[in-house]
Amino acid sequence: MPHDCDPLPPPPPIKVLIVEDEFILAIALQETLEALGYVVTGSGRLGKDP
């Protein structure tokens, strides 16, 4: 017997903040995550310069 209920809405996308010192790695990681359906909210560096 079918139900007249609406199906559950899809879950919201997972948001990610990238923290990486190497710019090229951060861009590659962002592209990979976005291809997998994640939302990259931003990126930045953290740490001390040698």
C-alpha atoms as a PDB file:
ATOM      1  CA  MET A   1       0.000   0.000   0.000  1.00  0.00           C
ATOM      2  CA  PRO A   2       1.689   3.280  -1.094  1.00  0.00           C
ATOM      3  CA  HIS A   3       2.056   6.224   1.274  1.00  0.00           C
ATOM      4  CA  ASP A   4       1.243   9.819   0.357  1.00  0.00           C
ATOM      5  CA  CYS A   5       4.352  11.084   2.159  1.00  0.00           C
ATOM      6  CA  ASP A   6       6.984  13.220   0.521  1.00  0.00           C
ATOM      7  CA  PRO A   7      10.403  11.578   0.487  1.00  0.00           C
ATOM      8  CA  LEU A   8      13.051  13.048   2.738  1.00  0.00           C
ATOM      9  CA  PRO A   9      15.005  15.878   1.155  1.00  0.00           C
ATOM     10  CA  PRO A  10      18.633  15.157   0.309  1.00  0.00           C
ATOM     11  CA  PRO A  11      21.099  16.093   3.043  1.00  0.00           C
ATOM     12  CA  PRO A  12      22.900  19.407   2.636  1.00  0.00           C
ATOM     13  CA  PRO A  13      26.376  19.226   1.112  1.00  0.00           C
ATOM     14  CA  ILE A  14      29.310  18.912   3.485  1.00  0.00           C
ATOM     15  CA  LYS A  15      31.297  22.138   3.809  1.00  0.00           C
ATOM     16  CA  VAL A  16      35.098  22.014   4.073  1.00  0.00           C
ATOM     17  CA  LEU A  17      37.720  24.612   4.958  1.00  0.00           C
ATOM     18  CA  ILE A  18      41.156  23.797   3.527  1.00  0.00           C
ATOM     19  CA  VAL A  19      44.237  24.750   5.558  1.00  0.00           C
ATOM     20  CA  GLU A  20      47.395  24.012   3.586  1.00  0.00           C
ATOM     21  CA  ASP A  21      50.724  25.843   3.305  1.00  0.00           C
ATOM     22  CA  GLU A  22      51.370  24.752  -0.287  1.00  0.00           C
ATOM     23  CA  PHE A  23      49.156  26.678  -2.724  1.00  0.00           C
ATOM     24  CA  ILE A  24      49.336  24.033  -5.471  1.00  0.00           C
ATOM     25  CA  LEU A  25      48.294  21.278  -3.050  1.00  0.00           C
ATOM     26  CA  ALA A  26      45.415  23.390  -1.755  1.00  0.00           C
ATOM     27  CA  ILE A  27      44.099  23.953  -5.288  1.00  0.00           C
ATOM     28  CA  ALA A  28      44.397  20.254  -6.168  1.00  0.00           C
ATOM     29  CA  LEU A  29      42.633  19.271  -2.948  1.00  0.00           C
ATOM     30  CA  GLN A  30      39.870  21.796  -3.590  1.00  0.00           C
ATOM     31  CA  GLU A  31      39.276  20.461  -7.100  1.00  0.00           C
ATOM     32  CA  THR A  32      39.176  16.879  -5.848  1.00  0.00           C
ATOM     33  CA  LEU A  33      36.766  17.658  -3.012  1.00  0.00           C
ATOM     34  CA  GLU A  34      34.440  19.623  -5.282  1.00  0.00           C
ATOM     35  CA  ALA A  35      34.425  16.769  -7.806  1.00  0.00           C
ATOM     36  CA  LEU A  36      33.296  14.485  -4.968  1.00  0.00           C
ATOM     37  CA  GLY A  37      30.404  16.805  -4.095  1.00  0.00           C
ATOM     38  CA  TYR A  38      31.853  18.740  -1.162  1.00  0.00           C
ATOM     39  CA  VAL A  39      31.558  22.521  -0.874  1.00  0.00           C
ATOM     40  CA  VAL A  40      34.897  24.225  -0.205  1.00  0.00           C
ATOM     41  CA  THR A  41      34.158  27.372   1.796  1.00  0.00           C
ATOM     42  CA  GLY A  42      37.702  28.736   1.641  1.00  0.00           C
ATOM     43  CA  SER A  43      41.356  28.005   2.086  1.00  0.00           C
ATOM     44  CA  GLY A  44      44.217  29.467   4.044  1.00  0.00           C
ATOM     45  CA  ARG A  45      47.657  28.924   5.511  1.00  0.00           C
ATOM     46  CA  LEU A  46      48.421  28.137   9.098  1.00  0.00           C
ATOM     47  CA  GLY A  47      51.780  27.857  10.727  1.00  0.00           C
ATOM     48  CA  LYS A  48      55.099  29.593  10.946  1.00  0.00           C
ATOM     49  CA  ASP A  49      57.452  30.299   8.090  1.00  0.00           C
ATOM     50  CA  PRO A  50      60.915  28.770   8.644  1.00  0.00           C
END
